[in-house]
Amino acid sequence: MRWGNLRRTSPFSAWYGSERGRPVDRHYIDGFMAAHRADYTGNRVMEVKNPHYSTLYGAPAELTIVDIDADNPDLTLHADLNKVGSLPPQAYDCAIVTQVLQYVDPQAALANLWQSLAPGGVLLLTVPALARLDPHDRDSDLRRWTPAGLHAELTAAGLPGDDVRGHGNVLAAVCALQGLTVEDVTVAELDVVNLDFPLTVSARAVKPS
């Protein structure tokens, strides 16, 4: 075994690699959101915290940015996802919730999001399977999910869990832990799927019409 500069007890980056390039988990989240852009283009869309994906790949007819932080400059609806009913009922055709569920009560948040979707509406969700603790707020970073775990979480909340997928492989996992980036490896390497080493888990759940 030749460790080279990987034999270290601290990562190359303490910030997911974001100051060096694009964090590897974003390769999978970006791909998932781009693949489902039809779900939020031309529709009434809710996205948590900022309009990153709703405007990067789509063009919503109406866009609501939800956050518990009242000082968020992108905010259009101040709401706590943990409080069922804090989101308006049947108001959205698509809810974009990327890397959020680990900070909230997942059952309460899923129930709240689900009731906010109109019939036929779509929840686009990603969660971490493997990730460092949030350097901004370690105490609020509560959970990680395997694909089977996210399926169980959705099912327990009464949501369909048939479209849950793991993304990543052992190289992607090492990159994420070390704070290495997409630019440090190749897209071909990241696109190799190893079901034993998910880095990110995605789910697409459609509310019955």
N, C-alpha and C. Protein backbone atom coordinates (compact mmCIF):
# COMPACT_ATOMS: atom_id res chain seq x y z
N MET A 1 0.84 -1.19 0.00
CA MET A 1 0.00 0.00 0.00
C MET A 1 0.88 1.24 0.00
N ARG A 2 0.70 2.10 -0.98
CA ARG A 2 1.44 3.37 -1.07
C ARG A 2 0.45 4.51 -0.82
N TRP A 3 0.48 5.05 0.37
CA TRP A 3 -0.50 6.05 0.74
C TRP A 3 -0.26 7.40 0.07
N GLY A 4 1.01 7.73 -0.18
CA GLY A 4 1.29 9.06 -0.71
C GLY A 4 0.74 10.14 0.20
N ASN A 5 0.17 11.20 -0.40
CA ASN A 5 -0.34 12.29 0.44
C ASN A 5 -1.75 12.03 0.96
N LEU A 6 -2.28 10.80 0.78
CA LEU A 6 -3.56 10.43 1.40
C LEU A 6 -3.37 9.97 2.85
N ARG A 7 -2.13 9.73 3.25
CA ARG A 7 -1.90 9.31 4.64
C ARG A 7 -1.87 10.55 5.51
N ARG A 8 -3.05 10.93 5.97
CA ARG A 8 -3.21 12.18 6.70
C ARG A 8 -4.39 12.03 7.65
N THR A 9 -4.38 12.77 8.72
CA THR A 9 -5.47 12.70 9.70
C THR A 9 -6.40 13.91 9.62
N SER A 10 -6.15 14.80 8.68
CA SER A 10 -7.06 15.91 8.41
C SER A 10 -7.26 15.99 6.90
N PRO A 11 -8.42 16.41 6.44
CA PRO A 11 -8.70 16.41 5.01
C PRO A 11 -7.96 17.52 4.27
N PHE A 12 -7.92 17.41 2.96
CA PHE A 12 -7.33 18.47 2.14
C PHE A 12 -8.14 19.76 2.27
N SER A 13 -9.43 19.63 2.51
CA SER A 13 -10.30 20.79 2.67
C SER A 13 -11.24 20.55 3.83
N ALA A 14 -11.46 21.56 4.64
CA ALA A 14 -12.42 21.47 5.74
C ALA A 14 -13.81 21.92 5.31
N TRP A 15 -13.96 22.28 4.03
CA TRP A 15 -15.23 22.86 3.54
C TRP A 15 -15.74 22.08 2.33
N TYR A 16 -15.65 20.76 2.41
CA TYR A 16 -16.17 19.87 1.34
C TYR A 16 -15.39 20.01 0.03
N GLY A 17 -14.32 20.77 0.03
CA GLY A 17 -13.58 21.04 -1.20
C GLY A 17 -14.12 22.22 -1.97
N SER A 18 -15.09 22.94 -1.42
CA SER A 18 -15.77 24.01 -2.17
C SER A 18 -14.84 25.16 -2.52
N GLU A 19 -13.78 25.36 -1.72
CA GLU A 19 -12.84 26.44 -2.06
C GLU A 19 -11.81 25.98 -3.10
N ARG A 20 -11.83 24.68 -3.44
CA ARG A 20 -10.87 24.12 -4.40
C ARG A 20 -11.52 23.79 -5.74
N GLY A 21 -12.84 23.60 -5.72
CA GLY A 21 -13.54 23.17 -6.93
C GLY A 21 -14.96 22.77 -6.57
N ARG A 22 -15.51 21.82 -7.34
CA ARG A 22 -16.88 21.37 -7.09
C ARG A 22 -16.88 20.12 -6.24
N PRO A 23 -17.51 20.14 -5.06
CA PRO A 23 -17.56 18.95 -4.22
C PRO A 23 -18.16 17.77 -4.97
N VAL A 24 -17.66 16.56 -4.72
CA VAL A 24 -18.06 15.41 -5.53
C VAL A 24 -19.53 15.06 -5.34
N ASP A 25 -20.12 15.32 -4.17
CA ASP A 25 -21.53 15.00 -4.02
C ASP A 25 -22.39 15.84 -4.95
N ARG A 26 -21.92 17.03 -5.30
CA ARG A 26 -22.67 17.89 -6.21
C ARG A 26 -22.72 17.32 -7.63
N HIS A 27 -21.75 16.51 -7.97
CA HIS A 27 -21.80 15.84 -9.28
C HIS A 27 -23.06 15.00 -9.38
N TYR A 28 -23.40 14.29 -8.32
CA TYR A 28 -24.57 13.42 -8.33
C TYR A 28 -25.86 14.21 -8.15
N ILE A 29 -25.85 15.20 -7.28
CA ILE A 29 -27.05 16.02 -7.07
C ILE A 29 -27.36 16.81 -8.33
N ASP A 30 -26.34 17.41 -8.96
CA ASP A 30 -26.55 18.16 -10.19
C ASP A 30 -27.13 17.25 -11.28
N GLY A 31 -26.59 16.04 -11.39
CA GLY A 31 -27.08 15.12 -12.41
C GLY A 31 -28.53 14.73 -12.17
N PHE A 32 -28.89 14.48 -10.92
CA PHE A 32 -30.26 14.13 -10.57
C PHE A 32 -31.21 15.28 -10.90
N MET A 33 -30.83 16.49 -10.52
CA MET A 33 -31.71 17.64 -10.76
C MET A 33 -31.82 17.96 -12.25
N ALA A 34 -30.74 17.82 -12.98
CA ALA A 34 -30.80 18.07 -14.43
C ALA A 34 -31.68 17.04 -15.12
N ALA A 35 -31.63 15.80 -14.66
CA ALA A 35 -32.43 14.74 -15.29
C ALA A 35 -33.92 14.96 -15.09
N HIS A 36 -34.29 15.69 -14.03
CA HIS A 36 -35.71 15.88 -13.72
C HIS A 36 -36.15 17.33 -13.87
N ARG A 37 -35.48 18.06 -14.74
CA ARG A 37 -35.81 19.48 -14.91
C ARG A 37 -37.25 19.68 -15.40
N ALA A 38 -37.80 18.69 -16.09
CA ALA A 38 -39.19 18.82 -16.57
C ALA A 38 -40.17 18.91 -15.41
N ASP A 39 -39.79 18.42 -14.23
CA ASP A 39 -40.68 18.47 -13.07
C ASP A 39 -40.86 19.89 -12.53
N TYR A 40 -39.90 20.77 -12.79
CA TYR A 40 -40.00 22.11 -12.21
C TYR A 40 -39.99 23.23 -13.24
N THR A 41 -39.75 22.94 -14.50
CA THR A 41 -39.82 23.97 -15.53
C THR A 41 -41.28 24.28 -15.85
N GLY A 42 -41.65 25.54 -15.73
CA GLY A 42 -43.01 25.97 -16.05
C GLY A 42 -44.02 25.68 -14.97
N ASN A 43 -43.58 25.22 -13.81
CA ASN A 43 -44.50 24.85 -12.73
C ASN A 43 -44.35 25.76 -11.51
N ARG A 44 -45.26 25.57 -10.56
CA ARG A 44 -45.17 26.27 -9.27
C ARG A 44 -44.20 25.48 -8.41
N VAL A 45 -43.08 26.10 -8.07
CA VAL A 45 -41.97 25.38 -7.45
C VAL A 45 -41.63 25.97 -6.09
N MET A 46 -41.33 25.09 -5.15
CA MET A 46 -40.78 25.49 -3.86
C MET A 46 -39.39 24.89 -3.74
N GLU A 47 -38.41 25.72 -3.37
CA GLU A 47 -37.06 25.23 -3.11
C GLU A 47 -36.61 25.77 -1.76
N VAL A 48 -35.87 24.95 -1.03
CA VAL A 48 -35.41 25.33 0.30
C VAL A 48 -34.13 26.16 0.20
N LYS A 49 -34.12 27.27 0.90
CA LYS A 49 -32.95 28.12 1.16
C LYS A 49 -32.57 29.07 0.03
N ASN A 50 -32.45 28.58 -1.20
CA ASN A 50 -32.08 29.45 -2.31
C ASN A 50 -32.59 28.85 -3.62
N PRO A 51 -32.59 29.63 -4.70
CA PRO A 51 -33.16 29.16 -5.97
C PRO A 51 -32.15 28.46 -6.86
N HIS A 52 -31.18 27.77 -6.27
CA HIS A 52 -30.06 27.24 -7.03
C HIS A 52 -30.51 26.33 -8.17
N TYR A 53 -31.19 25.24 -7.85
CA TYR A 53 -31.51 24.27 -8.89
C TYR A 53 -32.73 24.67 -9.71
N SER A 54 -33.69 25.33 -9.10
CA SER A 54 -34.89 25.70 -9.85
C SER A 54 -34.58 26.66 -10.99
N THR A 55 -33.53 27.47 -10.84
CA THR A 55 -33.17 28.40 -11.91
C THR A 55 -31.95 27.94 -12.71
N LEU A 56 -31.14 27.03 -12.15
CA LEU A 56 -29.97 26.55 -12.88
C LEU A 56 -30.38 25.69 -14.06
N TYR A 57 -31.34 24.81 -13.86
CA TYR A 57 -31.75 23.88 -14.91
C TYR A 57 -33.16 24.12 -15.43
N GLY A 58 -33.94 24.94 -14.75
CA GLY A 58 -35.33 25.12 -15.15
C GLY A 58 -35.74 26.58 -15.15
N ALA A 59 -37.04 26.79 -15.38
CA ALA A 59 -37.61 28.13 -15.36
C ALA A 59 -39.02 28.02 -14.79
N PRO A 60 -39.14 28.05 -13.45
CA PRO A 60 -40.46 27.90 -12.84
C PRO A 60 -41.41 29.02 -13.24
N ALA A 61 -42.70 28.69 -13.31
CA ALA A 61 -43.70 29.72 -13.53
C ALA A 61 -43.85 30.59 -12.28
N GLU A 62 -43.79 29.94 -11.12
CA GLU A 62 -43.81 30.62 -9.83
C GLU A 62 -42.77 29.95 -8.93
N LEU A 63 -42.06 30.74 -8.15
CA LEU A 63 -41.00 30.19 -7.31
C LEU A 63 -41.12 30.72 -5.89
N THR A 64 -41.13 29.80 -4.93
CA THR A 64 -41.15 30.15 -3.52
C THR A 64 -39.88 29.61 -2.87
N ILE A 65 -39.16 30.47 -2.17
CA ILE A 65 -37.96 30.06 -1.44
C ILE A 65 -38.31 30.02 0.04
N VAL A 66 -38.19 28.83 0.62
CA VAL A 66 -38.56 28.59 2.01
C VAL A 66 -37.31 28.48 2.87
N ASP A 67 -37.34 29.10 4.04
CA ASP A 67 -36.23 28.96 4.98
C ASP A 67 -36.73 29.29 6.37
N ILE A 68 -36.10 28.68 7.37
CA ILE A 68 -36.39 29.02 8.76
C ILE A 68 -35.64 30.28 9.18
N ASP A 69 -34.64 30.66 8.40
CA ASP A 69 -33.82 31.85 8.67
C ASP A 69 -34.51 33.07 8.08
N ALA A 70 -35.07 33.90 8.94
CA ALA A 70 -35.81 35.08 8.47
C ALA A 70 -34.90 36.12 7.82
N ASP A 71 -33.59 36.01 8.03
CA ASP A 71 -32.65 36.97 7.46
C ASP A 71 -32.12 36.55 6.09
N ASN A 72 -32.55 35.42 5.59
CA ASN A 72 -32.12 34.94 4.28
C ASN A 72 -32.59 35.91 3.20
N PRO A 73 -31.69 36.52 2.43
CA PRO A 73 -32.12 37.50 1.43
C PRO A 73 -32.93 36.89 0.29
N ASP A 74 -32.84 35.57 0.08
CA ASP A 74 -33.61 34.91 -0.97
C ASP A 74 -35.00 34.50 -0.51
N LEU A 75 -35.27 34.65 0.77
CA LEU A 75 -36.51 34.15 1.37
C LEU A 75 -37.75 34.80 0.76
N THR A 76 -38.75 33.96 0.47
CA THR A 76 -40.08 34.47 0.14
C THR A 76 -41.15 33.90 1.07
N LEU A 77 -40.83 32.80 1.78
CA LEU A 77 -41.75 32.24 2.76
C LEU A 77 -40.95 31.78 3.97
N HIS A 78 -41.20 32.42 5.10
CA HIS A 78 -40.53 32.05 6.35
C HIS A 78 -41.32 30.90 6.97
N ALA A 79 -40.72 29.72 7.06
CA ALA A 79 -41.44 28.56 7.57
C ALA A 79 -40.45 27.55 8.16
N ASP A 80 -40.94 26.80 9.12
CA ASP A 80 -40.18 25.71 9.74
C ASP A 80 -40.72 24.41 9.17
N LEU A 81 -39.89 23.68 8.44
CA LEU A 81 -40.34 22.42 7.84
C LEU A 81 -40.82 21.43 8.89
N ASN A 82 -40.35 21.54 10.12
CA ASN A 82 -40.75 20.62 11.18
C ASN A 82 -42.20 20.82 11.63
N LYS A 83 -42.80 21.94 11.28
CA LYS A 83 -44.17 22.24 11.70
C LYS A 83 -45.13 21.96 10.55
N VAL A 84 -45.82 20.83 10.65
CA VAL A 84 -46.76 20.44 9.59
C VAL A 84 -47.84 21.51 9.48
N GLY A 85 -48.05 21.99 8.26
CA GLY A 85 -48.99 23.06 8.02
C GLY A 85 -48.35 24.42 7.87
N SER A 86 -47.04 24.51 8.14
CA SER A 86 -46.35 25.79 7.95
C SER A 86 -46.18 26.12 6.46
N LEU A 87 -46.27 25.10 5.62
CA LEU A 87 -46.31 25.31 4.17
C LEU A 87 -47.76 25.29 3.72
N PRO A 88 -48.13 26.12 2.77
CA PRO A 88 -49.52 26.16 2.32
C PRO A 88 -49.93 24.85 1.66
N PRO A 89 -51.15 24.38 1.87
CA PRO A 89 -51.59 23.09 1.32
C PRO A 89 -51.78 23.14 -0.20
N GLN A 90 -51.32 22.09 -0.86
CA GLN A 90 -51.51 21.89 -2.31
C GLN A 90 -51.11 23.12 -3.12
N ALA A 91 -50.02 23.78 -2.70
CA ALA A 91 -49.61 25.04 -3.32
C ALA A 91 -48.58 24.87 -4.43
N TYR A 92 -47.90 23.71 -4.47
CA TYR A 92 -46.75 23.57 -5.36
C TYR A 92 -46.89 22.34 -6.26
N ASP A 93 -46.33 22.48 -7.44
CA ASP A 93 -46.25 21.34 -8.37
C ASP A 93 -44.95 20.57 -8.19
N CYS A 94 -43.98 21.20 -7.57
CA CYS A 94 -42.69 20.55 -7.34
C CYS A 94 -42.02 21.16 -6.12
N ALA A 95 -41.47 20.29 -5.27
CA ALA A 95 -40.68 20.74 -4.12
C ALA A 95 -39.27 20.21 -4.28
N ILE A 96 -38.29 21.11 -4.27
CA ILE A 96 -36.88 20.76 -4.41
C ILE A 96 -36.22 20.84 -3.04
N VAL A 97 -35.79 19.69 -2.54
CA VAL A 97 -35.27 19.62 -1.17
C VAL A 97 -33.96 18.84 -1.22
N THR A 98 -32.85 19.54 -1.44
CA THR A 98 -31.55 18.89 -1.57
C THR A 98 -30.72 19.10 -0.31
N GLN A 99 -30.26 17.99 0.27
CA GLN A 99 -29.36 18.00 1.42
C GLN A 99 -29.92 18.83 2.58
N VAL A 100 -31.19 18.62 2.89
CA VAL A 100 -31.86 19.35 3.95
C VAL A 100 -32.35 18.42 5.06
N LEU A 101 -32.77 17.21 4.69
CA LEU A 101 -33.49 16.34 5.62
C LEU A 101 -32.66 15.99 6.85
N GLN A 102 -31.34 16.04 6.76
CA GLN A 102 -30.49 15.70 7.90
C GLN A 102 -30.55 16.74 9.02
N TYR A 103 -31.11 17.92 8.73
CA TYR A 103 -31.17 18.99 9.72
C TYR A 103 -32.53 19.10 10.42
N VAL A 104 -33.50 18.28 10.01
CA VAL A 104 -34.86 18.43 10.51
C VAL A 104 -35.39 17.09 11.03
N ASP A 105 -36.60 17.12 11.58
CA ASP A 105 -37.31 15.89 11.91
C ASP A 105 -37.83 15.32 10.59
N PRO A 106 -37.29 14.22 10.10
CA PRO A 106 -37.63 13.79 8.74
C PRO A 106 -39.10 13.44 8.57
N GLN A 107 -39.72 12.84 9.56
CA GLN A 107 -41.13 12.47 9.41
C GLN A 107 -42.02 13.72 9.37
N ALA A 108 -41.77 14.67 10.23
CA ALA A 108 -42.56 15.90 10.22
C ALA A 108 -42.34 16.68 8.93
N ALA A 109 -41.08 16.79 8.51
CA ALA A 109 -40.77 17.55 7.30
C ALA A 109 -41.38 16.90 6.06
N LEU A 110 -41.29 15.58 5.96
CA LEU A 110 -41.88 14.89 4.81
C LEU A 110 -43.39 15.06 4.78
N ALA A 111 -44.03 14.96 5.94
CA ALA A 111 -45.48 15.17 5.99
C ALA A 111 -45.84 16.59 5.56
N ASN A 112 -45.06 17.57 6.00
CA ASN A 112 -45.30 18.96 5.65
C ASN A 112 -45.12 19.19 4.15
N LEU A 113 -44.03 18.67 3.61
CA LEU A 113 -43.77 18.82 2.18
C LEU A 113 -44.85 18.15 1.35
N TRP A 114 -45.26 16.95 1.77
CA TRP A 114 -46.24 16.18 0.99
C TRP A 114 -47.59 16.89 0.93
N GLN A 115 -48.02 17.47 2.06
CA GLN A 115 -49.32 18.16 2.05
C GLN A 115 -49.25 19.46 1.25
N SER A 116 -48.04 19.98 1.04
CA SER A 116 -47.90 21.22 0.29
C SER A 116 -47.93 21.01 -1.22
N LEU A 117 -47.84 19.75 -1.65
CA LEU A 117 -47.85 19.44 -3.08
C LEU A 117 -49.27 19.28 -3.59
N ALA A 118 -49.53 19.82 -4.76
CA ALA A 118 -50.82 19.61 -5.43
C ALA A 118 -50.88 18.17 -5.93
N PRO A 119 -52.07 17.65 -6.19
CA PRO A 119 -52.17 16.33 -6.80
C PRO A 119 -51.34 16.26 -8.08
N GLY A 120 -50.56 15.19 -8.21
CA GLY A 120 -49.64 15.07 -9.34
C GLY A 120 -48.32 15.77 -9.12
N GLY A 121 -48.17 16.44 -7.98
CA GLY A 121 -46.93 17.15 -7.69
C GLY A 121 -45.78 16.21 -7.39
N VAL A 122 -44.56 16.73 -7.49
CA VAL A 122 -43.35 15.91 -7.38
C VAL A 122 -42.43 16.45 -6.29
N LEU A 123 -41.96 15.54 -5.45
CA LEU A 123 -40.91 15.86 -4.48
C LEU A 123 -39.59 15.35 -5.02
N LEU A 124 -38.62 16.24 -5.20
CA LEU A 124 -37.27 15.88 -5.59
C LEU A 124 -36.38 16.06 -4.37
N LEU A 125 -35.81 14.95 -3.91
CA LEU A 125 -35.15 14.92 -2.61
C LEU A 125 -33.78 14.28 -2.73
N THR A 126 -32.77 14.88 -2.10
CA THR A 126 -31.47 14.21 -1.95
C THR A 126 -31.03 14.30 -0.50
N VAL A 127 -30.32 13.26 -0.07
CA VAL A 127 -29.80 13.21 1.30
C VAL A 127 -28.39 12.63 1.25
N PRO A 128 -27.58 12.90 2.26
CA PRO A 128 -26.25 12.30 2.32
C PRO A 128 -26.29 10.88 2.85
N ALA A 129 -25.54 10.01 2.23
CA ALA A 129 -25.28 8.68 2.81
C ALA A 129 -23.96 8.71 3.57
N LEU A 130 -23.02 9.49 3.06
CA LEU A 130 -21.70 9.65 3.68
C LEU A 130 -21.28 11.09 3.52
N ALA A 131 -20.95 11.74 4.61
CA ALA A 131 -20.51 13.15 4.54
C ALA A 131 -19.91 13.55 5.87
N ARG A 132 -18.97 14.48 5.81
CA ARG A 132 -18.44 15.07 7.03
C ARG A 132 -19.56 15.84 7.72
N LEU A 133 -19.41 16.13 9.00
CA LEU A 133 -20.36 16.98 9.70
C LEU A 133 -20.29 18.40 9.16
N ASP A 134 -21.41 19.06 9.18
CA ASP A 134 -21.49 20.44 8.72
C ASP A 134 -20.54 21.30 9.55
N PRO A 135 -19.52 21.90 8.95
CA PRO A 135 -18.58 22.70 9.74
C PRO A 135 -19.20 23.96 10.31
N HIS A 136 -20.36 24.38 9.75
CA HIS A 136 -21.03 25.58 10.26
C HIS A 136 -21.85 25.27 11.50
N ASP A 137 -22.40 24.05 11.59
CA ASP A 137 -23.31 23.74 12.69
C ASP A 137 -23.34 22.22 12.92
N ARG A 138 -22.33 21.71 13.58
CA ARG A 138 -22.23 20.26 13.81
C ARG A 138 -23.42 19.72 14.60
N ASP A 139 -23.91 20.51 15.55
CA ASP A 139 -24.96 20.02 16.44
C ASP A 139 -26.31 19.88 15.75
N SER A 140 -26.49 20.54 14.62
CA SER A 140 -27.75 20.45 13.89
C SER A 140 -27.71 19.42 12.76
N ASP A 141 -26.54 18.86 12.51
CA ASP A 141 -26.36 17.87 11.44
C ASP A 141 -26.59 16.49 12.05
N LEU A 142 -27.79 15.93 11.88
CA LEU A 142 -28.25 14.84 12.73
C LEU A 142 -28.22 13.45 12.10
N ARG A 143 -28.30 13.33 10.76
CA ARG A 143 -28.58 12.01 10.19
C ARG A 143 -27.88 11.77 8.87
N ARG A 144 -27.74 10.46 8.53
CA ARG A 144 -27.33 10.00 7.21
C ARG A 144 -28.24 8.83 6.83
N TRP A 145 -28.43 8.60 5.53
CA TRP A 145 -29.32 7.53 5.07
C TRP A 145 -28.65 6.64 4.03
N THR A 146 -28.88 5.35 4.12
CA THR A 146 -28.62 4.44 3.02
C THR A 146 -29.84 4.49 2.09
N PRO A 147 -29.74 3.95 0.87
CA PRO A 147 -30.93 3.89 0.02
C PRO A 147 -32.09 3.16 0.70
N ALA A 148 -31.80 2.03 1.35
CA ALA A 148 -32.86 1.30 2.05
C ALA A 148 -33.43 2.13 3.19
N GLY A 149 -32.56 2.89 3.86
CA GLY A 149 -33.02 3.73 4.96
C GLY A 149 -33.93 4.85 4.49
N LEU A 150 -33.60 5.47 3.35
CA LEU A 150 -34.46 6.53 2.83
C LEU A 150 -35.79 5.95 2.34
N HIS A 151 -35.74 4.78 1.73
CA HIS A 151 -36.97 4.11 1.31
C HIS A 151 -37.87 3.88 2.53
N ALA A 152 -37.30 3.41 3.62
CA ALA A 152 -38.08 3.18 4.83
C ALA A 152 -38.62 4.49 5.40
N GLU A 153 -37.82 5.55 5.33
CA GLU A 153 -38.26 6.86 5.84
C GLU A 153 -39.46 7.37 5.06
N LEU A 154 -39.38 7.28 3.75
CA LEU A 154 -40.48 7.73 2.90
C LEU A 154 -41.73 6.90 3.14
N THR A 155 -41.56 5.59 3.21
CA THR A 155 -42.70 4.70 3.41
C THR A 155 -43.39 4.97 4.75
N ALA A 156 -42.59 5.21 5.79
CA ALA A 156 -43.16 5.51 7.11
C ALA A 156 -43.97 6.80 7.10
N ALA A 157 -43.59 7.73 6.23
CA ALA A 157 -44.31 9.01 6.13
C ALA A 157 -45.48 8.94 5.16
N GLY A 158 -45.70 7.77 4.56
CA GLY A 158 -46.81 7.61 3.63
C GLY A 158 -46.52 8.06 2.22
N LEU A 159 -45.24 8.21 1.89
CA LEU A 159 -44.84 8.62 0.54
C LEU A 159 -44.38 7.40 -0.24
N PRO A 160 -44.52 7.42 -1.56
CA PRO A 160 -43.98 6.32 -2.36
C PRO A 160 -42.46 6.30 -2.30
N GLY A 161 -41.88 5.12 -2.13
CA GLY A 161 -40.43 5.00 -2.02
C GLY A 161 -39.85 4.14 -3.12
N ASP A 162 -40.53 4.06 -4.26
CA ASP A 162 -40.10 3.15 -5.32
C ASP A 162 -39.00 3.74 -6.20
N ASP A 163 -38.77 5.05 -6.11
CA ASP A 163 -37.74 5.67 -6.96
C ASP A 163 -36.65 6.28 -6.08
N VAL A 164 -35.98 5.41 -5.33
CA VAL A 164 -34.87 5.81 -4.46
C VAL A 164 -33.59 5.20 -5.01
N ARG A 165 -32.55 6.00 -5.16
CA ARG A 165 -31.32 5.50 -5.77
C ARG A 165 -30.09 6.01 -5.01
N GLY A 166 -29.09 5.14 -4.91
CA GLY A 166 -27.80 5.53 -4.38
C GLY A 166 -26.86 5.92 -5.50
N HIS A 167 -25.99 6.88 -5.23
CA HIS A 167 -25.04 7.38 -6.23
C HIS A 167 -23.64 7.40 -5.62
N GLY A 168 -22.67 6.86 -6.36
CA GLY A 168 -21.29 6.96 -5.90
C GLY A 168 -20.56 5.64 -5.93
N ASN A 169 -19.34 5.68 -5.46
CA ASN A 169 -18.46 4.51 -5.39
C ASN A 169 -17.39 4.81 -4.35
N VAL A 170 -16.47 3.88 -4.15
CA VAL A 170 -15.50 4.06 -3.08
C VAL A 170 -14.57 5.25 -3.35
N LEU A 171 -14.24 5.51 -4.61
CA LEU A 171 -13.39 6.66 -4.92
C LEU A 171 -14.12 7.96 -4.57
N ALA A 172 -15.38 8.06 -4.94
CA ALA A 172 -16.16 9.25 -4.62
C ALA A 172 -16.25 9.44 -3.10
N ALA A 173 -16.41 8.33 -2.37
CA ALA A 173 -16.49 8.41 -0.92
C ALA A 173 -15.20 8.94 -0.32
N VAL A 174 -14.07 8.43 -0.80
CA VAL A 174 -12.77 8.91 -0.32
C VAL A 174 -12.60 10.39 -0.64
N CYS A 175 -12.97 10.78 -1.84
CA CYS A 175 -12.87 12.19 -2.23
C CYS A 175 -13.68 13.07 -1.29
N ALA A 176 -14.91 12.64 -0.99
CA ALA A 176 -15.78 13.44 -0.14
C ALA A 176 -15.18 13.60 1.25
N LEU A 177 -14.65 12.52 1.81
CA LEU A 177 -14.09 12.60 3.15
C LEU A 177 -12.81 13.43 3.19
N GLN A 178 -12.06 13.40 2.11
CA GLN A 178 -10.79 14.13 2.07
C GLN A 178 -10.96 15.58 1.60
N GLY A 179 -12.17 15.96 1.20
CA GLY A 179 -12.35 17.30 0.67
C GLY A 179 -11.79 17.47 -0.72
N LEU A 180 -11.68 16.37 -1.47
CA LEU A 180 -11.27 16.44 -2.87
C LEU A 180 -12.48 16.73 -3.74
N THR A 181 -12.24 17.08 -4.99
CA THR A 181 -13.31 17.63 -5.81
C THR A 181 -13.45 16.88 -7.13
N VAL A 182 -14.48 17.26 -7.87
CA VAL A 182 -14.69 16.69 -9.20
C VAL A 182 -13.46 16.89 -10.07
N GLU A 183 -12.80 18.03 -9.90
CA GLU A 183 -11.63 18.35 -10.72
C GLU A 183 -10.41 17.49 -10.38
N ASP A 184 -10.43 16.81 -9.23
CA ASP A 184 -9.31 15.96 -8.84
C ASP A 184 -9.37 14.56 -9.45
N VAL A 185 -10.53 14.21 -10.00
CA VAL A 185 -10.72 12.89 -10.60
C VAL A 185 -11.36 13.08 -11.97
N THR A 186 -11.93 12.05 -12.53
CA THR A 186 -12.60 12.19 -13.82
C THR A 186 -14.08 11.90 -13.65
N VAL A 187 -14.88 12.46 -14.55
CA VAL A 187 -16.32 12.19 -14.53
C VAL A 187 -16.59 10.71 -14.75
N ALA A 188 -15.80 10.09 -15.61
CA ALA A 188 -15.97 8.65 -15.86
C ALA A 188 -15.78 7.84 -14.58
N GLU A 189 -14.82 8.24 -13.75
CA GLU A 189 -14.61 7.54 -12.49
C GLU A 189 -15.77 7.76 -11.53
N LEU A 190 -16.28 8.97 -11.49
CA LEU A 190 -17.39 9.26 -10.59
C LEU A 190 -18.68 8.58 -11.04
N ASP A 191 -18.82 8.36 -12.34
CA ASP A 191 -20.05 7.77 -12.86
C ASP A 191 -20.11 6.26 -12.70
N VAL A 192 -19.04 5.64 -12.24
CA VAL A 192 -19.10 4.22 -11.90
C VAL A 192 -19.98 4.06 -10.66
N VAL A 193 -20.99 3.20 -10.75
CA VAL A 193 -21.91 3.00 -9.62
C VAL A 193 -21.52 1.74 -8.87
N ASN A 194 -21.28 1.87 -7.58
CA ASN A 194 -21.04 0.73 -6.69
C ASN A 194 -22.07 0.83 -5.58
N LEU A 195 -23.05 -0.09 -5.59
CA LEU A 195 -24.16 -0.01 -4.66
C LEU A 195 -23.73 -0.19 -3.21
N ASP A 196 -22.51 -0.68 -2.99
CA ASP A 196 -22.01 -0.85 -1.62
C ASP A 196 -21.43 0.44 -1.05
N PHE A 197 -21.25 1.45 -1.88
CA PHE A 197 -20.61 2.69 -1.43
C PHE A 197 -21.38 3.92 -1.89
N PRO A 198 -22.65 4.06 -1.49
CA PRO A 198 -23.37 5.28 -1.88
C PRO A 198 -22.84 6.49 -1.13
N LEU A 199 -22.67 7.56 -1.86
CA LEU A 199 -22.27 8.83 -1.25
C LEU A 199 -23.50 9.71 -1.03
N THR A 200 -24.37 9.73 -2.03
CA THR A 200 -25.59 10.53 -2.00
C THR A 200 -26.75 9.64 -2.39
N VAL A 201 -27.91 9.91 -1.82
CA VAL A 201 -29.12 9.15 -2.15
C VAL A 201 -30.18 10.13 -2.64
N SER A 202 -30.85 9.77 -3.72
CA SER A 202 -31.89 10.63 -4.29
C SER A 202 -33.23 9.90 -4.26
N ALA A 203 -34.29 10.68 -4.28
CA ALA A 203 -35.64 10.12 -4.37
C ALA A 203 -36.52 11.07 -5.16
N ARG A 204 -37.36 10.49 -5.98
CA ARG A 204 -38.40 11.24 -6.70
C ARG A 204 -39.74 10.61 -6.33
N ALA A 205 -40.59 11.37 -5.68
CA ALA A 205 -41.89 10.87 -5.23
C ALA A 205 -43.00 11.71 -5.85
N VAL A 206 -43.95 11.04 -6.48
CA VAL A 206 -45.05 11.73 -7.17
C VAL A 206 -46.33 11.53 -6.37
N LYS A 207 -47.01 12.63 -6.06
CA LYS A 207 -48.26 12.58 -5.31
C LYS A 207 -49.38 12.13 -6.22
N PRO A 208 -50.19 11.17 -5.80
CA PRO A 208 -51.28 10.70 -6.67
C PRO A 208 -52.22 11.84 -7.06
N SER A 209 -52.68 11.78 -8.29
CA SER A 209 -53.61 12.81 -8.79
C SER A 209 -55.01 12.60 -8.21
